[in-house]
C-alpha atoms as a PDB file:
ATOM      1  CA  UNK A   1      47.065  97.355 152.901  1.00  0.00           C
ATOM      2  CA  UNK A   2      50.196  98.363 154.785  1.00  0.00           C
ATOM      3  CA  UNK A   3      51.863  95.020 153.994  1.00  0.00           C
ATOM      4  CA  UNK A   4      51.038  95.420 150.293  1.00  0.00           C
ATOM      5  CA  UNK A   5      52.629  98.881 150.221  1.00  0.00           C
ATOM      6  CA  UNK A   6      55.744  97.629 151.971  1.00  0.00           C
ATOM      7  CA  UNK A   7      55.985  94.740 149.508  1.00  0.00           C
ATOM      8  CA  UNK A   8      55.701  97.077 146.520  1.00  0.00           C
ATOM      9  CA  UNK A   9      58.340  99.406 147.971  1.00  0.00           C
ATOM     10  CA  UNK A  10      60.792  96.553 148.521  1.00  0.00           C
ATOM     11  CA  UNK A  11      60.186  95.177 145.011  1.00  0.00           C
ATOM     12  CA  UNK A  12      60.777  98.617 143.448  1.00  0.00           C
ATOM     13  CA  UNK A  13      63.982  99.024 145.442  1.00  0.00           C
ATOM     14  CA  UNK A  14      65.253  95.662 144.231  1.00  0.00           C
ATOM     15  CA  UNK A  15      64.293  96.301 140.597  1.00  0.00           C
ATOM     16  CA  UNK A  16      66.021  99.702 140.646  1.00  0.00           C
ATOM     17  CA  UNK A  17      69.329  97.933 141.175  1.00  0.00           C
ATOM     18  CA  UNK A  18      68.969  95.652 138.134  1.00  0.00           C
ATOM     19  CA  UNK A  19      70.417  97.020 134.856  1.00  0.00           C
ATOM     20  CA  UNK A  20      67.918  97.396 132.051  1.00  0.00           C
ATOM     21  CA  UNK A  21      64.751  97.646 134.178  1.00  0.00           C
ATOM     22  CA  UNK A  22      62.671 100.709 134.913  1.00  0.00           C
ATOM     23  CA  UNK A  23      64.342 103.027 137.387  1.00  0.00           C
ATOM     24  CA  UNK A  24      67.893 101.861 136.692  1.00  0.00           C
ATOM     25  CA  UNK A  25      68.530 104.494 134.005  1.00  0.00           C
ATOM     26  CA  UNK A  26      68.280 107.386 136.441  1.00  0.00           C
ATOM     27  CA  UNK A  27      71.091 105.910 138.540  1.00  0.00           C
ATOM     28  CA  UNK A  28      73.572 105.668 135.644  1.00  0.00           C
ATOM     29  CA  UNK A  29      75.637 108.641 134.446  1.00  0.00           C
ATOM     30  CA  UNK A  30      75.760 107.017 130.983  1.00  0.00           C
ATOM     31  CA  UNK A  31      73.164 106.931 128.215  1.00  0.00           C
ATOM     32  CA  UNK A  32      71.463 103.546 127.892  1.00  0.00           C
ATOM     33  CA  UNK A  33      72.269 102.785 124.264  1.00  0.00           C
ATOM     34  CA  UNK A  34      73.182  99.911 121.997  1.00  0.00           C
ATOM     35  CA  UNK A  35      76.119 100.181 119.597  1.00  0.00           C
ATOM     36  CA  UNK A  36      76.493  97.904 116.591  1.00  0.00           C
ATOM     37  CA  UNK A  37      80.068  97.667 115.316  1.00  0.00           C
ATOM     38  CA  UNK A  38      80.542  95.929 111.948  1.00  0.00           C
ATOM     39  CA  UNK A  39      83.639  94.574 110.223  1.00  0.00           C
ATOM     40  CA  UNK A  40      84.471  92.936 106.905  1.00  0.00           C
ATOM     41  CA  UNK A  41      87.149  90.974 108.735  1.00  0.00           C
ATOM     42  CA  UNK A  42      87.059  87.482 110.173  1.00  0.00           C
ATOM     43  CA  UNK A  43      86.944  86.644 113.889  1.00  0.00           C
ATOM     44  CA  UNK A  44      90.679  85.876 113.832  1.00  0.00           C
ATOM     45  CA  UNK A  45      91.558  89.354 112.563  1.00  0.00           C
ATOM     46  CA  UNK A  46      93.101  91.853 114.951  1.00  0.00           C
ATOM     47  CA  UNK A  47      90.502  94.504 114.052  1.00  0.00           C
ATOM     48  CA  UNK A  48      87.679  92.196 115.185  1.00  0.00           C
ATOM     49  CA  UNK A  49      89.623  91.205 118.284  1.00  0.00           C
ATOM     50  CA  UNK A  50      90.043  94.930 119.041  1.00  0.00           C
ATOM     51  CA  UNK A  51      86.298  95.477 118.520  1.00  0.00           C
ATOM     52  CA  UNK A  52      85.576  92.726 121.037  1.00  0.00           C
ATOM     53  CA  UNK A  53      88.049  94.273 123.469  1.00  0.00           C
ATOM     54  CA  UNK A  54      86.248  97.610 122.976  1.00  0.00           C
ATOM     55  CA  UNK A  55      82.962  95.865 123.847  1.00  0.00           C
ATOM     56  CA  UNK A  56      84.488  94.333 126.971  1.00  0.00           C
ATOM     57  CA  UNK A  57      85.969  97.642 128.151  1.00  0.00           C
ATOM     58  CA  UNK A  58      82.915  99.780 127.387  1.00  0.00           C
ATOM     59  CA  UNK A  59      80.321  97.442 128.835  1.00  0.00           C
ATOM     60  CA  UNK A  60      82.474  96.996 131.927  1.00  0.00           C
ATOM     61  CA  UNK A  61      83.040 100.700 132.514  1.00  0.00           C
ATOM     62  CA  UNK A  62      79.364 101.578 132.001  1.00  0.00           C
ATOM     63  CA  UNK A  63      78.164  98.561 134.018  1.00  0.00           C
ATOM     64  CA  UNK A  64      76.077  97.454 131.067  1.00  0.00           C
ATOM     65  CA  UNK A  65      74.402 100.790 130.382  1.00  0.00           C
ATOM     66  CA  UNK A  66      76.045 100.751 126.949  1.00  0.00           C
ATOM     67  CA  UNK A  67      75.588  97.465 125.070  1.00  0.00           C
ATOM     68  CA  UNK A  68      77.839  96.578 122.139  1.00  0.00           C
ATOM     69  CA  UNK A  69      77.144  94.036 119.367  1.00  0.00           C
ATOM     70  CA  UNK A  70      80.082  93.024 117.133  1.00  0.00           C
ATOM     71  CA  UNK A  71      79.139  91.956 113.578  1.00  0.00           C
ATOM     72  CA  UNK A  72      82.243  90.417 111.898  1.00  0.00           C
ATOM     73  CA  UNK A  73      82.937  88.462 108.733  1.00  0.00           C
ATOM     74  CA  UNK A  74      81.319  90.838 106.254  1.00  0.00           C
ATOM     75  CA  UNK A  75      77.799  90.132 107.521  1.00  0.00           C
ATOM     76  CA  UNK A  76      76.985  93.806 106.879  1.00  0.00           C
ATOM     77  CA  UNK A  77      79.023  93.921 103.638  1.00  0.00           C
ATOM     78  CA  UNK A  78      82.547  94.765 102.532  1.00  0.00           C
ATOM     79  CA  UNK A  79      84.560  97.658 103.957  1.00  0.00           C
ATOM     80  CA  UNK A  80      83.039 100.212 101.558  1.00  0.00           C
ATOM     81  CA  UNK A  81      79.487  99.138 102.378  1.00  0.00           C
ATOM     82  CA  UNK A  82      80.193  99.230 106.103  1.00  0.00           C
ATOM     83  CA  UNK A  83      81.675 102.740 105.904  1.00  0.00           C
ATOM     84  CA  UNK A  84      78.609 103.915 103.980  1.00  0.00           C
ATOM     85  CA  UNK A  85      76.349 102.305 106.592  1.00  0.00           C
ATOM     86  CA  UNK A  86      78.165 104.209 109.367  1.00  0.00           C
ATOM     87  CA  UNK A  87      77.774 107.470 107.421  1.00  0.00           C
ATOM     88  CA  UNK A  88      74.030 106.775 107.074  1.00  0.00           C
ATOM     89  CA  UNK A  89      73.737 105.709 110.759  1.00  0.00           C
ATOM     90  CA  UNK A  90      72.433 102.307 109.684  1.00  0.00           C
ATOM     91  CA  UNK A  91      75.089 101.079 112.128  1.00  0.00           C
ATOM     92  CA  UNK A  92      76.931 103.167 114.686  1.00  0.00           C
ATOM     93  CA  UNK A  93      80.540 101.973 114.425  1.00  0.00           C
ATOM     94  CA  UNK A  94      83.001 100.044 112.276  1.00  0.00           C
ATOM     95  CA  UNK A  95      86.149  98.027 112.866  1.00  0.00           C
ATOM     96  CA  UNK A  96      87.654  98.742 109.500  1.00  0.00           C
ATOM     97  CA  UNK A  97      90.719  99.669 107.471  1.00  0.00           C
ATOM     98  CA  UNK A  98      92.101 102.585 105.466  1.00  0.00           C
ATOM     99  CA  UNK A  99      89.490 102.148 102.726  1.00  0.00           C
ATOM    100  CA  UNK A 100      87.664 104.798 104.757  1.00  0.00           C
ATOM    101  CA  UNK A 101      90.436 107.308 103.956  1.00  0.00           C
ATOM    102  CA  UNK A 102      90.366 106.357 100.290  1.00  0.00           C
ATOM    103  CA  UNK A 103      86.591 106.948 100.187  1.00  0.00           C
ATOM    104  CA  UNK A 104      86.417 110.278 102.011  1.00  0.00           C
ATOM    105  CA  UNK A 105      89.931 111.771 101.911  1.00  0.00           C
ATOM    106  CA  UNK A 106      91.683 110.217  98.874  1.00  0.00           C
ATOM    107  CA  UNK A 107      94.240 113.036  98.670  1.00  0.00           C
ATOM    108  CA  UNK A 108      95.715 111.663 101.944  1.00  0.00           C
ATOM    109  CA  UNK A 109      95.801 108.030 100.897  1.00  0.00           C
ATOM    110  CA  UNK A 110      99.593 108.075 100.513  1.00  0.00           C
ATOM    111  CA  UNK A 111      99.596 106.869 104.135  1.00  0.00           C
ATOM    112  CA  UNK A 112      98.326 103.472 102.945  1.00  0.00           C
ATOM    113  CA  UNK A 113     100.175 103.149  99.636  1.00  0.00           C
ATOM    114  CA  UNK A 114     103.129 100.773  99.147  1.00  0.00           C
ATOM    115  CA  UNK A 115     106.743 101.889  99.592  1.00  0.00           C
ATOM    116  CA  UNK A 116     106.001 105.317 101.134  1.00  0.00           C
ATOM    117  CA  UNK A 117     105.695 105.035 104.925  1.00  0.00           C
ATOM    118  CA  UNK A 118     108.974 103.802 106.417  1.00  0.00           C
ATOM    119  CA  UNK A 119     107.558 101.868 109.355  1.00  0.00           C
ATOM    120  CA  UNK A 120     104.846 102.026 112.030  1.00  0.00           C
ATOM    121  CA  UNK A 121     106.647 104.794 113.952  1.00  0.00           C
ATOM    122  CA  UNK A 122     106.702 106.920 110.800  1.00  0.00           C
ATOM    123  CA  UNK A 123     103.001 106.222 110.286  1.00  0.00           C
ATOM    124  CA  UNK A 124     102.105 107.348 113.809  1.00  0.00           C
ATOM    125  CA  UNK A 125     104.228 110.509 113.434  1.00  0.00           C
ATOM    126  CA  UNK A 126     102.166 111.327 110.352  1.00  0.00           C
ATOM    127  CA  UNK A 127      98.944 110.509 112.210  1.00  0.00           C
ATOM    128  CA  UNK A 128      99.806 112.890 115.066  1.00  0.00           C
ATOM    129  CA  UNK A 129     100.957 115.702 112.767  1.00  0.00           C
ATOM    130  CA  UNK A 130      98.991 118.665 111.405  1.00  0.00           C
ATOM    131  CA  UNK A 131      98.712 116.685 108.170  1.00  0.00           C
ATOM    132  CA  UNK A 132      97.026 113.832 110.039  1.00  0.00           C
ATOM    133  CA  UNK A 133      94.651 116.277 111.740  1.00  0.00           C
ATOM    134  CA  UNK A 134      93.583 117.655 108.359  1.00  0.00           C
ATOM    135  CA  UNK A 135      93.020 114.162 107.002  1.00  0.00           C
ATOM    136  CA  UNK A 136      90.708 113.188 109.888  1.00  0.00           C
ATOM    137  CA  UNK A 137      88.808 116.466 109.556  1.00  0.00           C
ATOM    138  CA  UNK A 138      88.286 115.748 105.866  1.00  0.00           C
ATOM    139  CA  UNK A 139      86.798 112.333 106.677  1.00  0.00           C
ATOM    140  CA  UNK A 140      84.574 113.935 109.291  1.00  0.00           C
ATOM    141  CA  UNK A 141      83.363 116.654 106.919  1.00  0.00           C
ATOM    142  CA  UNK A 142      82.607 114.303 104.024  1.00  0.00           C
ATOM    143  CA  UNK A 143      81.612 111.087 105.768  1.00  0.00           C
ATOM    144  CA  UNK A 144      80.335 112.212 109.198  1.00  0.00           C
ATOM    145  CA  UNK A 145      82.714 109.631 110.644  1.00  0.00           C
ATOM    146  CA  UNK A 146      85.142 110.159 113.501  1.00  0.00           C
ATOM    147  CA  UNK A 147      88.312 108.055 113.371  1.00  0.00           C
ATOM    148  CA  UNK A 148      89.851 107.084 116.673  1.00  0.00           C
ATOM    149  CA  UNK A 149      93.466 106.144 117.353  1.00  0.00           C
ATOM    150  CA  UNK A 150      94.601 103.552 114.771  1.00  0.00           C
ATOM    151  CA  UNK A 151      95.834 100.119 115.703  1.00  0.00           C
ATOM    152  CA  UNK A 152      98.846  98.488 114.082  1.00  0.00           C
ATOM    153  CA  UNK A 153      97.785  95.468 112.005  1.00  0.00           C
ATOM    154  CA  UNK A 154     101.229  94.520 110.773  1.00  0.00           C
ATOM    155  CA  UNK A 155     103.662  95.108 107.942  1.00  0.00           C
ATOM    156  CA  UNK A 156     102.346  93.985 104.556  1.00  0.00           C
ATOM    157  CA  UNK A 157     104.030  91.042 102.839  1.00  0.00           C
ATOM    158  CA  UNK A 158     103.423  88.939  99.723  1.00  0.00           C
ATOM    159  CA  UNK A 159     101.974  85.477  99.189  1.00  0.00           C
ATOM    160  CA  UNK A 160     102.304  83.772  95.817  1.00  0.00           C
ATOM    161  CA  UNK A 161     101.547  80.432  94.202  1.00  0.00           C
ATOM    162  CA  UNK A 162     104.486  79.944  91.824  1.00  0.00           C
ATOM    163  CA  UNK A 163     106.674  83.068  91.824  1.00  0.00           C
ATOM    164  CA  UNK A 164     108.516  84.129  95.004  1.00  0.00           C
ATOM    165  CA  UNK A 165     109.032  87.897  95.272  1.00  0.00           C
ATOM    166  CA  UNK A 166     112.785  88.469  95.633  1.00  0.00           C
ATOM    167  CA  UNK A 167     113.253  91.515  93.368  1.00  0.00           C
ATOM    168  CA  UNK A 168     111.122  94.008  91.379  1.00  0.00           C
ATOM    169  CA  UNK A 169     111.594  91.843  88.265  1.00  0.00           C
ATOM    170  CA  UNK A 170     109.553  89.049  89.890  1.00  0.00           C
ATOM    171  CA  UNK A 171     106.388  91.147  89.502  1.00  0.00           C
ATOM    172  CA  UNK A 172     106.545  91.048  85.709  1.00  0.00           C
ATOM    173  CA  UNK A 173     103.395  89.443  84.314  1.00  0.00           C
ATOM    174  CA  UNK A 174     102.230  88.427  87.817  1.00  0.00           C
ATOM    175  CA  UNK A 175      98.440  88.349  88.292  1.00  0.00           C
ATOM    176  CA  UNK A 176      98.406  90.118  91.628  1.00  0.00           C
ATOM    177  CA  UNK A 177      95.350  90.674  93.785  1.00  0.00           C
ATOM    178  CA  UNK A 178      95.365  94.135  95.325  1.00  0.00           C
ATOM    179  CA  UNK A 179      92.715  96.294  97.035  1.00  0.00           C
ATOM    180  CA  UNK A 180      90.178  98.034  94.781  1.00  0.00           C
ATOM    181  CA  UNK A 181      92.223 101.253  94.676  1.00  0.00           C
ATOM    182  CA  UNK A 182      93.401 103.058  91.532  1.00  0.00           C
ATOM    183  CA  UNK A 183      96.734 104.255  92.963  1.00  0.00           C
ATOM    184  CA  UNK A 184      97.674 100.685  93.910  1.00  0.00           C
ATOM    185  CA  UNK A 185      96.931  99.622  90.338  1.00  0.00           C
ATOM    186  CA  UNK A 186      99.207 102.414  89.072  1.00  0.00           C
ATOM    187  CA  UNK A 187     102.058 101.444  91.404  1.00  0.00           C
ATOM    188  CA  UNK A 188     102.045  97.727  90.646  1.00  0.00           C
ATOM    189  CA  UNK A 189     101.667  98.258  86.911  1.00  0.00           C
ATOM    190  CA  UNK A 190     104.893 100.234  87.180  1.00  0.00           C
ATOM    191  CA  UNK A 191     106.533  97.051  88.445  1.00  0.00           C
ATOM    192  CA  UNK A 192     105.194  95.167  85.417  1.00  0.00           C
ATOM    193  CA  UNK A 193     102.539  93.224  87.347  1.00  0.00           C
ATOM    194  CA  UNK A 194      99.014  92.595  86.118  1.00  0.00           C
ATOM    195  CA  UNK A 195      97.102  93.928  89.137  1.00  0.00           C
ATOM    196  CA  UNK A 196      93.547  92.687  89.658  1.00  0.00           C
ATOM    197  CA  UNK A 197      91.490  94.720  92.169  1.00  0.00           C
ATOM    198  CA  UNK A 198      89.364  92.254  94.168  1.00  0.00           C
ATOM    199  CA  UNK A 199      87.316  92.941  97.340  1.00  0.00           C
ATOM    200  CA  UNK A 200      88.710  91.358 100.479  1.00  0.00           C
ATOM    201  CA  UNK A 201      85.748  89.008 100.918  1.00  0.00           C
ATOM    202  CA  UNK A 202      86.371  87.457  97.471  1.00  0.00           C
ATOM    203  CA  UNK A 203      90.102  86.979  98.053  1.00  0.00           C
ATOM    204  CA  UNK A 204      90.235  83.278  98.992  1.00  0.00           C
ATOM    205  CA  UNK A 205      88.066  82.064  96.111  1.00  0.00           C
ATOM    206  CA  UNK A 206      89.990  84.233  93.619  1.00  0.00           C
ATOM    207  CA  UNK A 207      93.290  82.671  94.686  1.00  0.00           C
ATOM    208  CA  UNK A 208      91.957  79.117  94.841  1.00  0.00           C
ATOM    209  CA  UNK A 209      90.415  79.299  91.348  1.00  0.00           C
ATOM    210  CA  UNK A 210      93.438  80.940  89.726  1.00  0.00           C
ATOM    211  CA  UNK A 211      91.787  84.269  88.929  1.00  0.00           C
ATOM    212  CA  UNK A 212      94.938  85.678  90.544  1.00  0.00           C
ATOM    213  CA  UNK A 213      98.159  83.921  91.530  1.00  0.00           C
ATOM    214  CA  UNK A 214      99.468  86.233  94.262  1.00  0.00           C
ATOM    215  CA  UNK A 215      98.285  88.633  96.945  1.00  0.00           C
ATOM    216  CA  UNK A 216      99.640  90.761  99.761  1.00  0.00           C
ATOM    217  CA  UNK A 217      98.665  91.976 103.209  1.00  0.00           C
ATOM    218  CA  UNK A 218      99.712  91.890 106.866  1.00  0.00           C
ATOM    219  CA  UNK A 219     100.360  88.448 108.382  1.00  0.00           C
ATOM    220  CA  UNK A 220      97.189  88.785 110.451  1.00  0.00           C
ATOM    221  CA  UNK A 221      95.042  89.170 107.323  1.00  0.00           C
ATOM    222  CA  UNK A 222      96.773  86.395 105.393  1.00  0.00           C
ATOM    223  CA  UNK A 223      96.363  84.058 108.360  1.00  0.00           C
ATOM    224  CA  UNK A 224      92.761  84.932 109.241  1.00  0.00           C
ATOM    225  CA  UNK A 225      91.613  84.245 105.661  1.00  0.00           C
ATOM    226  CA  UNK A 226      93.571  80.929 105.615  1.00  0.00           C
ATOM    227  CA  UNK A 227      95.358  81.937 102.403  1.00  0.00           C
ATOM    228  CA  UNK A 228      98.226  79.557 103.224  1.00  0.00           C
ATOM    229  CA  UNK A 229      95.876  76.824 101.959  1.00  0.00           C
ATOM    230  CA  UNK A 230      96.069  78.143  98.388  1.00  0.00           C
ATOM    231  CA  UNK A 231      99.536  79.760  98.234  1.00  0.00           C
ATOM    232  CA  UNK A 232     103.092  78.423  98.418  1.00  0.00           C
ATOM    233  CA  UNK A 233     105.571  81.299  98.939  1.00  0.00           C
ATOM    234  CA  UNK A 234     105.664  83.900 101.714  1.00  0.00           C
ATOM    235  CA  UNK A 235     107.862  86.874 100.751  1.00  0.00           C
ATOM    236  CA  UNK A 236     108.785  89.268 103.576  1.00  0.00           C
ATOM    237  CA  UNK A 237     108.809  92.564 101.661  1.00  0.00           C
ATOM    238  CA  UNK A 238     107.434  94.801 104.463  1.00  0.00           C
ATOM    239  CA  UNK A 239     106.213  97.271 101.841  1.00  0.00           C
ATOM    240  CA  UNK A 240     103.673  99.046 104.057  1.00  0.00           C
ATOM    241  CA  UNK A 241     102.921  99.290 107.801  1.00  0.00           C
ATOM    242  CA  UNK A 242      99.141  98.975 107.746  1.00  0.00           C
ATOM    243  CA  UNK A 243      96.544 100.032 110.296  1.00  0.00           C
ATOM    244  CA  UNK A 244      93.099  99.091 111.512  1.00  0.00           C
ATOM    245  CA  UNK A 245      90.568 101.729 112.490  1.00  0.00           C
ATOM    246  CA  UNK A 246      87.742 101.948 114.998  1.00  0.00           C
ATOM    247  CA  UNK A 247      85.263 104.589 113.822  1.00  0.00           C
ATOM    248  CA  UNK A 248      81.905 106.027 114.853  1.00  0.00           C
ATOM    249  CA  UNK A 249      79.169 108.132 113.301  1.00  0.00           C
ATOM    250  CA  UNK A 250      79.786 111.655 114.600  1.00  0.00           C
ATOM    251  CA  UNK A 251      76.090 112.574 114.844  1.00  0.00           C
ATOM    252  CA  UNK A 252      75.401 109.479 116.932  1.00  0.00           C
ATOM    253  CA  UNK A 253      78.327 110.257 119.220  1.00  0.00           C
ATOM    254  CA  UNK A 254      77.284 113.897 119.505  1.00  0.00           C
ATOM    255  CA  UNK A 255      73.813 112.920 120.769  1.00  0.00           C
ATOM    256  CA  UNK A 256      75.273 111.233 123.833  1.00  0.00           C
ATOM    257  CA  UNK A 257      75.946 113.008 127.100  1.00  0.00           C
ATOM    258  CA  UNK A 258      79.468 114.085 128.010  1.00  0.00           C
ATOM    259  CA  UNK A 259      80.182 111.092 130.262  1.00  0.00           C
ATOM    260  CA  UNK A 260      79.094 108.627 127.576  1.00  0.00           C
ATOM    261  CA  UNK A 261      81.180 110.331 124.882  1.00  0.00           C
ATOM    262  CA  UNK A 262      84.190 110.346 127.189  1.00  0.00           C
ATOM    263  CA  UNK A 263      83.918 106.640 128.027  1.00  0.00           C
ATOM    264  CA  UNK A 264      83.467 105.672 124.349  1.00  0.00           C
ATOM    265  CA  UNK A 265      86.567 107.626 123.344  1.00  0.00           C
ATOM    266  CA  UNK A 266      88.564 106.132 126.191  1.00  0.00           C
ATOM    267  CA  UNK A 267      87.478 102.582 125.356  1.00  0.00           C
ATOM    268  CA  UNK A 268      88.485 102.966 121.697  1.00  0.00           C
ATOM    269  CA  UNK A 269      91.944 104.183 122.694  1.00  0.00           C
ATOM    270  CA  UNK A 270      92.449 101.331 125.138  1.00  0.00           C
ATOM    271  CA  UNK A 271      91.240  98.783 122.573  1.00  0.00           C
ATOM    272  CA  UNK A 272      93.517 100.194 119.866  1.00  0.00           C
ATOM    273  CA  UNK A 273      96.580 100.140 122.128  1.00  0.00           C
ATOM    274  CA  UNK A 274      95.721  96.587 123.203  1.00  0.00           C
ATOM    275  CA  UNK A 275      95.322  95.588 119.544  1.00  0.00           C
ATOM    276  CA  UNK A 276      98.633  97.160 118.499  1.00  0.00           C
ATOM    277  CA  UNK A 277     100.484  95.371 121.291  1.00  0.00           C
ATOM    278  CA  UNK A 278      98.884  92.053 120.350  1.00  0.00           C
ATOM    279  CA  UNK A 279      99.689  92.552 116.654  1.00  0.00           C
ATOM    280  CA  UNK A 280     103.338  93.203 117.371  1.00  0.00           C
ATOM    281  CA  UNK A 281     103.519  90.030 119.454  1.00  0.00           C
ATOM    282  CA  UNK A 282     101.609  87.903 116.926  1.00  0.00           C
ATOM    283  CA  UNK A 283     103.197  89.145 113.695  1.00  0.00           C
ATOM    284  CA  UNK A 284     106.357  87.014 113.762  1.00  0.00           C
ATOM    285  CA  UNK A 285     104.496  84.171 115.443  1.00  0.00           C
ATOM    286  CA  UNK A 286     101.988  83.973 112.573  1.00  0.00           C
ATOM    287  CA  UNK A 287     104.752  84.049 109.962  1.00  0.00           C
ATOM    288  CA  UNK A 288     106.508  81.220 111.816  1.00  0.00           C
ATOM    289  CA  UNK A 289     103.271  79.218 111.961  1.00  0.00           C
ATOM    290  CA  UNK A 290     102.634  79.662 108.235  1.00  0.00           C
ATOM    291  CA  UNK A 291     106.140  78.391 107.527  1.00  0.00           C
ATOM    292  CA  UNK A 292     106.426  75.626 110.124  1.00  0.00           C
ATOM    293  CA  UNK A 293     102.835  74.409 110.443  1.00  0.00           C
ATOM    294  CA  UNK A 294     101.457  75.235 106.995  1.00  0.00           C
ATOM    295  CA  UNK A 295     104.685  74.448 105.123  1.00  0.00           C
ATOM    296  CA  UNK A 296     104.925  77.729 103.222  1.00  0.00           C
ATOM    297  CA  UNK A 297     108.326  78.596 101.718  1.00  0.00           C
ATOM    298  CA  UNK A 298     109.861  81.675 103.316  1.00  0.00           C
ATOM    299  CA  UNK A 299     111.497  84.264 101.028  1.00  0.00           C
ATOM    300  CA  UNK A 300     113.438  87.293 102.297  1.00  0.00           C
ATOM    301  CA  UNK A 301     114.528  89.774  99.575  1.00  0.00           C
ATOM    302  CA  UNK A 302     118.226  90.619  99.795  1.00  0.00           C
ATOM    303  CA  UNK A 303     117.739  94.361  99.161  1.00  0.00           C
ATOM    304  CA  UNK A 304     114.328  95.864  99.921  1.00  0.00           C
ATOM    305  CA  UNK A 305     115.391  99.382  98.918  1.00  0.00           C
ATOM    306  CA  UNK A 306     115.432  98.439  95.221  1.00  0.00           C
ATOM    307  CA  UNK A 307     111.638  98.094  95.208  1.00  0.00           C
ATOM    308  CA  UNK A 308     111.028 101.712  96.234  1.00  0.00           C
ATOM    309  CA  UNK A 309     113.771 102.955  93.906  1.00  0.00           C
ATOM    310  CA  UNK A 310     112.132 101.198  90.961  1.00  0.00           C
ATOM    311  CA  UNK A 311     108.904 103.208  91.310  1.00  0.00           C
ATOM    312  CA  UNK A 312     110.182 106.495  92.756  1.00  0.00           C
ATOM    313  CA  UNK A 313     109.334 108.522  89.632  1.00  0.00           C
ATOM    314  CA  UNK A 314     105.771 107.183  89.675  1.00  0.00           C
ATOM    315  CA  UNK A 315     105.447 107.952  93.393  1.00  0.00           C
ATOM    316  CA  UNK A 316     106.528 111.568  92.806  1.00  0.00           C
ATOM    317  CA  UNK A 317     103.969 111.822  90.002  1.00  0.00           C
ATOM    318  CA  UNK A 318     101.210 110.536  92.303  1.00  0.00           C
ATOM    319  CA  UNK A 319     102.082 113.167  94.897  1.00  0.00           C
ATOM    320  CA  UNK A 320     101.724 115.831  92.201  1.00  0.00           C
ATOM    321  CA  UNK A 321      98.458 114.522  90.753  1.00  0.00           C
ATOM    322  CA  UNK A 322      96.624 112.580  93.490  1.00  0.00           C
ATOM    323  CA  UNK A 323      98.162 113.442  96.862  1.00  0.00           C
ATOM    324  CA  UNK A 324      98.989 117.112  96.343  1.00  0.00           C
ATOM    325  CA  UNK A 325      98.408 118.058 100.007  1.00  0.00           C
ATOM    326  CA  UNK A 326     102.106 117.248 100.622  1.00  0.00           C
ATOM    327  CA  UNK A 327     105.227 115.853  98.933  1.00  0.00           C
ATOM    328  CA  UNK A 328     107.228 112.676  99.371  1.00  0.00           C
ATOM    329  CA  UNK A 329     110.154 114.717 100.743  1.00  0.00           C
ATOM    330  CA  UNK A 330     108.001 116.557 103.291  1.00  0.00           C
ATOM    331  CA  UNK A 331     106.409 113.335 104.452  1.00  0.00           C
ATOM    332  CA  UNK A 332     109.809 111.641 104.742  1.00  0.00           C
ATOM    333  CA  UNK A 333     110.982 114.364 107.133  1.00  0.00           C
ATOM    334  CA  UNK A 334     108.268 113.658 109.705  1.00  0.00           C
END
């Protein structure tokens, strides 16, 4: 009997040191939870890479108490569907884009509209301002989603099949794929383009079948969707510094103990900073690869300022009617 008791005691002691078995939970300061983080983006995208870095950091720091599953490639749906799933707690987190702001705080969507933000530094100054605080609070109030520090995805550029973009006149009559966003439609119609809002997941097939003949996005996005296979020109317009976002359902986060909340927040910040650094390193490299390896024709507009000047009146009108929480002049001074 004594030997049996000793054997049971030793077995329990050994099991207590194995993560995931009875007794191990009491030894961890972190909640034992599983987080599913979904993305509409492909494995090659920086937002998915950042999500995987988040998984690595969080699981490492919690010694496996927190498990993270990354669901890329639109397996949960497009960006809108994923954001709605986070709001409903069908999934806990998303590696997403600014469509979230358009859905829940559209009056602040100037931050992801063409020819407004000067560069990534300007974007981050906005993000860290009182205006940025109000935007995030709006998303939280309406969508129950907390946005963590954004990660730089790259400066948006154009890809086209037949017409290189050298000046505003090159947009005239161009069937241009843009995000499903009304203000983008307004802006590119002002250039004379024929904008066609198409979800990201339908982008490749739309270009390959001729539904549209041009698109735009950061180099990371254009590369990860292999759009160089169906386009010829790469025009370096740098019309918007665009960001990726790691987000979480606020109710889910609020249910966790203080240590778990702290480690989740810290892991998102580390992953975002890692992602931004990688994006900055990869941006020119990917453009070079599309030109040298994929034989795209590189186009660099002689005067980029003429694009913004062409639509300035329309931009001012949008600030009055859609984005009336600030003005173009106020934003420019940040």
